[in-house]
């Protein structure tokens, strides 16, 4: 499973969704765990990072604008 961490900046979700779509189409990615940070200027909460670490083989994050 791949994790996607949205930092909530404008367009970050669009970029991550496009990456997810490419991974699904070209590499058969079956499962994705999508999470969002509280706000882009702060680190992700430890429990959020722990959840991603427990369930995902990789995590992709993006900064938008």
C-alpha atoms as a PDB file:
ATOM      1  CA  UNK A   1       0.000   0.000   0.000  1.00  0.00           C
ATOM      2  CA  UNK A   2       1.151   3.511  -0.780  1.00  0.00           C
ATOM      3  CA  UNK A   3       0.447   6.477   1.467  1.00  0.00           C
ATOM      4  CA  UNK A   4      -0.293   9.981   0.275  1.00  0.00           C
ATOM      5  CA  UNK A   5       0.201  12.903   2.639  1.00  0.00           C
ATOM      6  CA  UNK A   6      -1.514  16.108   1.564  1.00  0.00           C
ATOM      7  CA  UNK A   7      -0.167  19.264   3.215  1.00  0.00           C
ATOM      8  CA  UNK A   8      -3.346  21.206   2.295  1.00  0.00           C
ATOM      9  CA  UNK A   9      -1.635  23.824   0.175  1.00  0.00           C
ATOM     10  CA  UNK A  10      -3.549  24.687  -2.999  1.00  0.00           C
ATOM     11  CA  UNK A  11      -3.112  22.037  -5.699  1.00  0.00           C
ATOM     12  CA  UNK A  12      -1.146  19.583  -3.548  1.00  0.00           C
ATOM     13  CA  UNK A  13      -4.174  17.271  -3.557  1.00  0.00           C
ATOM     14  CA  UNK A  14      -4.397  17.479  -7.349  1.00  0.00           C
ATOM     15  CA  UNK A  15      -0.726  16.593  -7.759  1.00  0.00           C
ATOM     16  CA  UNK A  16      -0.987  13.671  -5.344  1.00  0.00           C
ATOM     17  CA  UNK A  17      -4.153  12.397  -7.034  1.00  0.00           C
ATOM     18  CA  UNK A  18      -2.408  12.473 -10.399  1.00  0.00           C
ATOM     19  CA  UNK A  19       0.582  10.559  -9.019  1.00  0.00           C
ATOM     20  CA  UNK A  20      -1.801   8.008  -7.474  1.00  0.00           C
ATOM     21  CA  UNK A  21      -3.631   7.617 -10.792  1.00  0.00           C
ATOM     22  CA  UNK A  22      -0.362   7.033 -12.673  1.00  0.00           C
ATOM     23  CA  UNK A  23       0.791   4.463 -10.112  1.00  0.00           C
ATOM     24  CA  UNK A  24      -2.543   2.655 -10.402  1.00  0.00           C
ATOM     25  CA  UNK A  25      -2.576   2.680 -14.202  1.00  0.00           C
ATOM     26  CA  UNK A  26       1.075   1.903 -14.913  1.00  0.00           C
ATOM     27  CA  UNK A  27       2.108  -0.194 -11.924  1.00  0.00           C
ATOM     28  CA  UNK A  28      -1.098  -1.733 -10.625  1.00  0.00           C
ATOM     29  CA  UNK A  29      -1.185   0.086  -7.310  1.00  0.00           C
ATOM     30  CA  UNK A  30      -4.158  -1.518  -5.587  1.00  0.00           C
ATOM     31  CA  UNK A  31      -4.421   0.276  -2.259  1.00  0.00           C
ATOM     32  CA  UNK A  32      -3.767   3.834  -1.206  1.00  0.00           C
ATOM     33  CA  UNK A  33      -4.048   5.495   2.183  1.00  0.00           C
ATOM     34  CA  UNK A  34      -4.760   9.224   1.867  1.00  0.00           C
ATOM     35  CA  UNK A  35      -4.174  11.528   4.816  1.00  0.00           C
ATOM     36  CA  UNK A  36      -3.881  15.296   5.299  1.00  0.00           C
ATOM     37  CA  UNK A  37      -1.773  17.354   7.673  1.00  0.00           C
ATOM     38  CA  UNK A  38      -3.501  19.892   9.902  1.00  0.00           C
ATOM     39  CA  UNK A  39      -1.721  22.801   8.218  1.00  0.00           C
ATOM     40  CA  UNK A  40       1.146  22.986   5.733  1.00  0.00           C
ATOM     41  CA  UNK A  41       3.464  25.053   7.931  1.00  0.00           C
ATOM     42  CA  UNK A  42       3.528  22.541  10.805  1.00  0.00           C
ATOM     43  CA  UNK A  43       4.987  19.054  11.035  1.00  0.00           C
ATOM     44  CA  UNK A  44       2.585  16.163  10.678  1.00  0.00           C
ATOM     45  CA  UNK A  45       1.207  14.836  13.944  1.00  0.00           C
ATOM     46  CA  UNK A  46       3.173  11.884  15.335  1.00  0.00           C
ATOM     47  CA  UNK A  47       0.082   9.640  15.318  1.00  0.00           C
ATOM     48  CA  UNK A  48      -0.501  10.445  11.649  1.00  0.00           C
ATOM     49  CA  UNK A  49       3.079   9.527  10.783  1.00  0.00           C
ATOM     50  CA  UNK A  50       2.797   6.351  12.845  1.00  0.00           C
ATOM     51  CA  UNK A  51      -0.356   5.303  10.998  1.00  0.00           C
ATOM     52  CA  UNK A  52       1.325   5.820   7.636  1.00  0.00           C
ATOM     53  CA  UNK A  53       4.440   3.949   8.778  1.00  0.00           C
ATOM     54  CA  UNK A  54       2.403   0.987  10.015  1.00  0.00           C
ATOM     55  CA  UNK A  55       0.270   0.560   6.904  1.00  0.00           C
ATOM     56  CA  UNK A  56       2.311   1.792   3.941  1.00  0.00           C
ATOM     57  CA  UNK A  57       5.355   0.572   2.064  1.00  0.00           C
ATOM     58  CA  UNK A  58       6.016   4.100   0.843  1.00  0.00           C
ATOM     59  CA  UNK A  59       4.592   7.580   1.430  1.00  0.00           C
ATOM     60  CA  UNK A  60       4.438  10.367  -1.109  1.00  0.00           C
ATOM     61  CA  UNK A  61       3.910  13.959  -0.052  1.00  0.00           C
ATOM     62  CA  UNK A  62       3.625  17.139  -2.074  1.00  0.00           C
ATOM     63  CA  UNK A  63       3.743  20.896  -1.685  1.00  0.00           C
ATOM     64  CA  UNK A  64       1.284  22.751  -3.856  1.00  0.00           C
ATOM     65  CA  UNK A  65       0.636  26.293  -5.101  1.00  0.00           C
END
